[in-house]
Amino acid sequence: MNGAHLHLIICHVPIMGAAFTTLLIIFALGQKSKEVKRTSLWFAVLTGISALIVYLTGDGAEDIVKTIPGITESLIEPHEHMAMFFMISLLLIGAAALAGLFLSRASTDVLHKFTVIVLILNILVMFLAYETGLSGGKIRHTESETTQMVK
């Protein structure tokens, strides 16, 4: 296994983690469950950590794919920039979730507020998730270039 393999294996974790965390928070708020709110905040922390790990594997993947004919810096650079913004956003959301977990030990009201904040931030960051995934797919998945809808 090389750096590109590792990157491709784990690159979907932050995208799916952010989506799962969003759904889990919506469920937690609907159930009014303190335990599920806390669990969803922990998922936000883990998603942020996973984004950092995926981002750090990107250079190894870049070194390998640059040796493939037709793969240029102009394909890689947009993905690299979007991935950086996505990673920073998820790390900030994870830090907010961790702060919420710490500060909410004495107050369920604080837990609720931080859960809502993390939900809003996760919904906003889904645009970055989409753009990061799409720009990464354009590096080697030419089908993502197509603008026509398949019938």
C-alpha atoms as a PDB file:
ATOM      1  CA  MET A   1       0.000   0.000   0.000  1.00  0.00           C
ATOM      2  CA  ASN A   2       1.283   3.453  -0.867  1.00  0.00           C
ATOM      3  CA  GLY A   3       0.338   7.002   0.114  1.00  0.00           C
ATOM      4  CA  ALA A   4      -2.290   7.297  -2.609  1.00  0.00           C
ATOM      5  CA  HIS A   5      -3.957   4.065  -1.476  1.00  0.00           C
ATOM      6  CA  LEU A   6      -4.048   5.226   2.129  1.00  0.00           C
ATOM      7  CA  HIS A   7      -5.457   8.608   1.160  1.00  0.00           C
ATOM      8  CA  LEU A   8      -8.167   7.057  -0.994  1.00  0.00           C
ATOM      9  CA  ILE A   9      -9.132   4.532   1.685  1.00  0.00           C
ATOM     10  CA  ILE A  10      -9.693   7.152   4.390  1.00  0.00           C
ATOM     11  CA  CYS A  11     -10.685  10.256   2.397  1.00  0.00           C
ATOM     12  CA  HIS A  12     -14.420   9.624   2.742  1.00  0.00           C
ATOM     13  CA  VAL A  13     -14.338   9.427   6.545  1.00  0.00           C
ATOM     14  CA  PRO A  14     -14.528  13.216   7.191  1.00  0.00           C
ATOM     15  CA  ILE A  15     -17.233  13.702   4.554  1.00  0.00           C
ATOM     16  CA  MET A  16     -19.368  10.867   5.882  1.00  0.00           C
ATOM     17  CA  GLY A  17     -18.470  11.784   9.467  1.00  0.00           C
ATOM     18  CA  ALA A  18     -19.782  15.327   9.040  1.00  0.00           C
ATOM     19  CA  ALA A  19     -22.975  14.036   7.417  1.00  0.00           C
ATOM     20  CA  PHE A  20     -23.473  11.387  10.099  1.00  0.00           C
ATOM     21  CA  THR A  21     -22.827  13.882  12.885  1.00  0.00           C
ATOM     22  CA  THR A  22     -25.413  16.242  11.384  1.00  0.00           C
ATOM     23  CA  LEU A  23     -28.034  13.491  11.257  1.00  0.00           C
ATOM     24  CA  LEU A  24     -27.159  12.300  14.762  1.00  0.00           C
ATOM     25  CA  ILE A  25     -27.552  15.832  16.146  1.00  0.00           C
ATOM     26  CA  ILE A  26     -30.932  16.204  14.465  1.00  0.00           C
ATOM     27  CA  PHE A  27     -31.971  12.894  16.029  1.00  0.00           C
ATOM     28  CA  ALA A  28     -30.589  13.964  19.433  1.00  0.00           C
ATOM     29  CA  LEU A  29     -32.489  17.244  19.343  1.00  0.00           C
ATOM     30  CA  GLY A  30     -35.674  15.476  18.333  1.00  0.00           C
ATOM     31  CA  GLN A  31     -35.308  12.922  21.132  1.00  0.00           C
ATOM     32  CA  LYS A  32     -34.126  15.576  23.612  1.00  0.00           C
ATOM     33  CA  SER A  33     -31.504  13.071  24.717  1.00  0.00           C
ATOM     34  CA  LYS A  34     -28.543  14.354  26.698  1.00  0.00           C
ATOM     35  CA  GLU A  35     -26.615  11.151  25.994  1.00  0.00           C
ATOM     36  CA  VAL A  36     -27.125  11.310  22.231  1.00  0.00           C
ATOM     37  CA  LYS A  37     -26.221  15.018  22.211  1.00  0.00           C
ATOM     38  CA  ARG A  38     -22.960  14.215  23.974  1.00  0.00           C
ATOM     39  CA  THR A  39     -22.316  11.316  21.598  1.00  0.00           C
ATOM     40  CA  SER A  40     -22.909  13.558  18.584  1.00  0.00           C
ATOM     41  CA  LEU A  41     -20.423  16.103  19.927  1.00  0.00           C
ATOM     42  CA  TRP A  42     -17.849  13.324  20.332  1.00  0.00           C
ATOM     43  CA  PHE A  43     -18.493  12.357  16.699  1.00  0.00           C
ATOM     44  CA  ALA A  44     -17.778  15.964  15.709  1.00  0.00           C
ATOM     45  CA  VAL A  45     -14.445  15.779  17.569  1.00  0.00           C
ATOM     46  CA  LEU A  46     -13.541  12.478  15.887  1.00  0.00           C
ATOM     47  CA  THR A  47     -14.546  13.834  12.474  1.00  0.00           C
ATOM     48  CA  GLY A  48     -12.207  16.794  12.957  1.00  0.00           C
ATOM     49  CA  ILE A  49      -9.351  14.475  13.887  1.00  0.00           C
ATOM     50  CA  SER A  50     -10.085  12.278  10.873  1.00  0.00           C
ATOM     51  CA  ALA A  51      -9.989  15.338   8.593  1.00  0.00           C
ATOM     52  CA  LEU A  52      -6.519  16.197   9.875  1.00  0.00           C
ATOM     53  CA  ILE A  53      -5.300  12.647   9.257  1.00  0.00           C
ATOM     54  CA  VAL A  54      -6.729  12.608   5.725  1.00  0.00           C
ATOM     55  CA  TYR A  55      -5.214  16.009   4.973  1.00  0.00           C
ATOM     56  CA  LEU A  56      -1.799  14.834   6.159  1.00  0.00           C
ATOM     57  CA  THR A  57      -1.927  11.845   3.785  1.00  0.00           C
ATOM     58  CA  GLY A  58      -2.609  14.139   0.829  1.00  0.00           C
ATOM     59  CA  ASP A  59       1.032  14.965   0.095  1.00  0.00           C
ATOM     60  CA  GLY A  60       1.909  11.292  -0.232  1.00  0.00           C
ATOM     61  CA  ALA A  61      -0.980  10.789  -2.625  1.00  0.00           C
ATOM     62  CA  GLU A  62       0.032  13.881  -4.593  1.00  0.00           C
ATOM     63  CA  ASP A  63       3.595  12.636  -5.024  1.00  0.00           C
ATOM     64  CA  ILE A  64       2.297   9.410  -6.534  1.00  0.00           C
ATOM     65  CA  VAL A  65      -0.458  10.757  -8.791  1.00  0.00           C
ATOM     66  CA  LYS A  66       1.839  13.408 -10.260  1.00  0.00           C
ATOM     67  CA  THR A  67       3.747  10.562 -11.916  1.00  0.00           C
ATOM     68  CA  ILE A  68       0.628   9.487 -13.838  1.00  0.00           C
ATOM     69  CA  PRO A  69       0.398  10.927 -17.360  1.00  0.00           C
ATOM     70  CA  GLY A  70      -2.303  13.576 -17.640  1.00  0.00           C
ATOM     71  CA  ILE A  71      -2.364  14.420 -13.931  1.00  0.00           C
ATOM     72  CA  THR A  72      -1.223  17.992 -13.485  1.00  0.00           C
ATOM     73  CA  GLU A  73      -0.937  20.470 -10.664  1.00  0.00           C
ATOM     74  CA  SER A  74      -3.972  22.280 -12.113  1.00  0.00           C
ATOM     75  CA  LEU A  75      -6.077  19.217 -11.225  1.00  0.00           C
ATOM     76  CA  ILE A  76      -4.557  18.746  -7.773  1.00  0.00           C
ATOM     77  CA  GLU A  77      -4.390  22.356  -6.548  1.00  0.00           C
ATOM     78  CA  PRO A  78      -8.159  23.054  -6.333  1.00  0.00           C
ATOM     79  CA  HIS A  79      -8.635  19.853  -4.334  1.00  0.00           C
ATOM     80  CA  GLU A  80      -5.737  20.710  -2.052  1.00  0.00           C
ATOM     81  CA  HIS A  81      -7.148  24.178  -1.303  1.00  0.00           C
ATOM     82  CA  MET A  82     -10.701  22.932  -0.686  1.00  0.00           C
ATOM     83  CA  ALA A  83      -9.365  20.124   1.497  1.00  0.00           C
ATOM     84  CA  MET A  84      -7.438  22.628   3.605  1.00  0.00           C
ATOM     85  CA  PHE A  85     -10.552  24.761   4.207  1.00  0.00           C
ATOM     86  CA  PHE A  86     -12.625  21.653   4.906  1.00  0.00           C
ATOM     87  CA  MET A  87     -10.048  20.306   7.370  1.00  0.00           C
ATOM     88  CA  ILE A  88      -9.722  23.631   9.198  1.00  0.00           C
ATOM     89  CA  SER A  89     -13.515  23.925   9.406  1.00  0.00           C
ATOM     90  CA  LEU A  90     -13.895  20.420  10.827  1.00  0.00           C
ATOM     91  CA  LEU A  91     -11.095  21.032  13.320  1.00  0.00           C
ATOM     92  CA  LEU A  92     -12.819  24.224  14.494  1.00  0.00           C
ATOM     93  CA  ILE A  93     -16.145  22.387  14.763  1.00  0.00           C
ATOM     94  CA  GLY A  94     -14.395  19.613  16.687  1.00  0.00           C
ATOM     95  CA  ALA A  95     -12.849  22.189  19.027  1.00  0.00           C
ATOM     96  CA  ALA A  96     -16.267  23.798  19.580  1.00  0.00           C
ATOM     97  CA  ALA A  97     -17.744  20.363  20.275  1.00  0.00           C
ATOM     98  CA  LEU A  98     -14.948  19.570  22.724  1.00  0.00           C
ATOM     99  CA  ALA A  99     -15.498  22.905  24.473  1.00  0.00           C
ATOM    100  CA  GLY A 100     -19.205  22.130  24.624  1.00  0.00           C
ATOM    101  CA  LEU A 101     -18.531  18.726  26.147  1.00  0.00           C
ATOM    102  CA  PHE A 102     -16.285  20.274  28.783  1.00  0.00           C
ATOM    103  CA  LEU A 103     -18.495  23.266  29.593  1.00  0.00           C
ATOM    104  CA  SER A 104     -21.720  21.276  29.631  1.00  0.00           C
ATOM    105  CA  ARG A 105     -20.721  18.928  32.433  1.00  0.00           C
ATOM    106  CA  ALA A 106     -22.743  21.016  34.860  1.00  0.00           C
ATOM    107  CA  SER A 107     -25.509  22.305  32.601  1.00  0.00           C
ATOM    108  CA  THR A 108     -27.766  20.607  30.075  1.00  0.00           C
ATOM    109  CA  ASP A 109     -28.677  24.060  28.739  1.00  0.00           C
ATOM    110  CA  VAL A 110     -25.045  24.624  27.697  1.00  0.00           C
ATOM    111  CA  LEU A 111     -25.004  21.177  26.096  1.00  0.00           C
ATOM    112  CA  HIS A 112     -28.098  22.037  24.080  1.00  0.00           C
ATOM    113  CA  LYS A 113     -26.615  25.359  22.918  1.00  0.00           C
ATOM    114  CA  PHE A 114     -23.355  23.786  21.800  1.00  0.00           C
ATOM    115  CA  THR A 115     -25.221  20.977  20.055  1.00  0.00           C
ATOM    116  CA  VAL A 116     -27.230  23.522  18.062  1.00  0.00           C
ATOM    117  CA  ILE A 117     -24.056  25.486  17.240  1.00  0.00           C
ATOM    118  CA  VAL A 118     -22.298  22.340  16.019  1.00  0.00           C
ATOM    119  CA  LEU A 119     -25.370  21.407  13.970  1.00  0.00           C
ATOM    120  CA  ILE A 120     -25.438  24.794  12.227  1.00  0.00           C
ATOM    121  CA  LEU A 121     -21.692  24.684  11.563  1.00  0.00           C
ATOM    122  CA  ASN A 122     -21.932  21.124  10.235  1.00  0.00           C
ATOM    123  CA  ILE A 123     -24.708  22.097   7.849  1.00  0.00           C
ATOM    124  CA  LEU A 124     -22.613  25.016   6.588  1.00  0.00           C
ATOM    125  CA  VAL A 125     -19.498  22.855   6.168  1.00  0.00           C
ATOM    126  CA  MET A 126     -21.344  20.351   3.968  1.00  0.00           C
ATOM    127  CA  PHE A 127     -20.689  22.669   1.004  1.00  0.00           C
ATOM    128  CA  LEU A 128     -16.955  22.311   1.629  1.00  0.00           C
ATOM    129  CA  ALA A 129     -17.379  18.545   1.932  1.00  0.00           C
ATOM    130  CA  TYR A 130     -19.098  18.436  -1.454  1.00  0.00           C
ATOM    131  CA  GLU A 131     -16.542  20.651  -3.170  1.00  0.00           C
ATOM    132  CA  THR A 132     -13.592  18.801  -1.639  1.00  0.00           C
ATOM    133  CA  GLY A 133     -14.934  15.431  -2.725  1.00  0.00           C
ATOM    134  CA  LEU A 134     -15.821  16.653  -6.199  1.00  0.00           C
ATOM    135  CA  SER A 135     -12.445  18.311  -6.781  1.00  0.00           C
ATOM    136  CA  GLY A 136     -10.680  15.166  -5.553  1.00  0.00           C
ATOM    137  CA  GLY A 137     -12.734  13.023  -7.886  1.00  0.00           C
ATOM    138  CA  LYS A 138     -11.719  15.170 -10.844  1.00  0.00           C
ATOM    139  CA  ILE A 139      -8.102  14.125 -10.344  1.00  0.00           C
ATOM    140  CA  ARG A 140      -8.727  10.531 -11.382  1.00  0.00           C
ATOM    141  CA  HIS A 141     -12.468  10.089 -11.936  1.00  0.00           C
ATOM    142  CA  THR A 142     -13.157  11.584 -15.336  1.00  0.00           C
ATOM    143  CA  GLU A 143     -16.857  10.771 -14.999  1.00  0.00           C
ATOM    144  CA  SER A 144     -17.124  13.585 -12.454  1.00  0.00           C
ATOM    145  CA  GLU A 145     -16.266  16.029 -15.257  1.00  0.00           C
ATOM    146  CA  THR A 146     -19.437  15.297 -17.158  1.00  0.00           C
ATOM    147  CA  THR A 147     -22.183  17.890 -16.988  1.00  0.00           C
ATOM    148  CA  GLN A 148     -24.871  15.767 -18.629  1.00  0.00           C
ATOM    149  CA  MET A 149     -27.345  13.854 -16.531  1.00  0.00           C
ATOM    150  CA  VAL A 150     -27.531  10.144 -17.282  1.00  0.00           C
ATOM    151  CA  LYS A 151     -31.066   8.987 -18.066  1.00  0.00           C
END
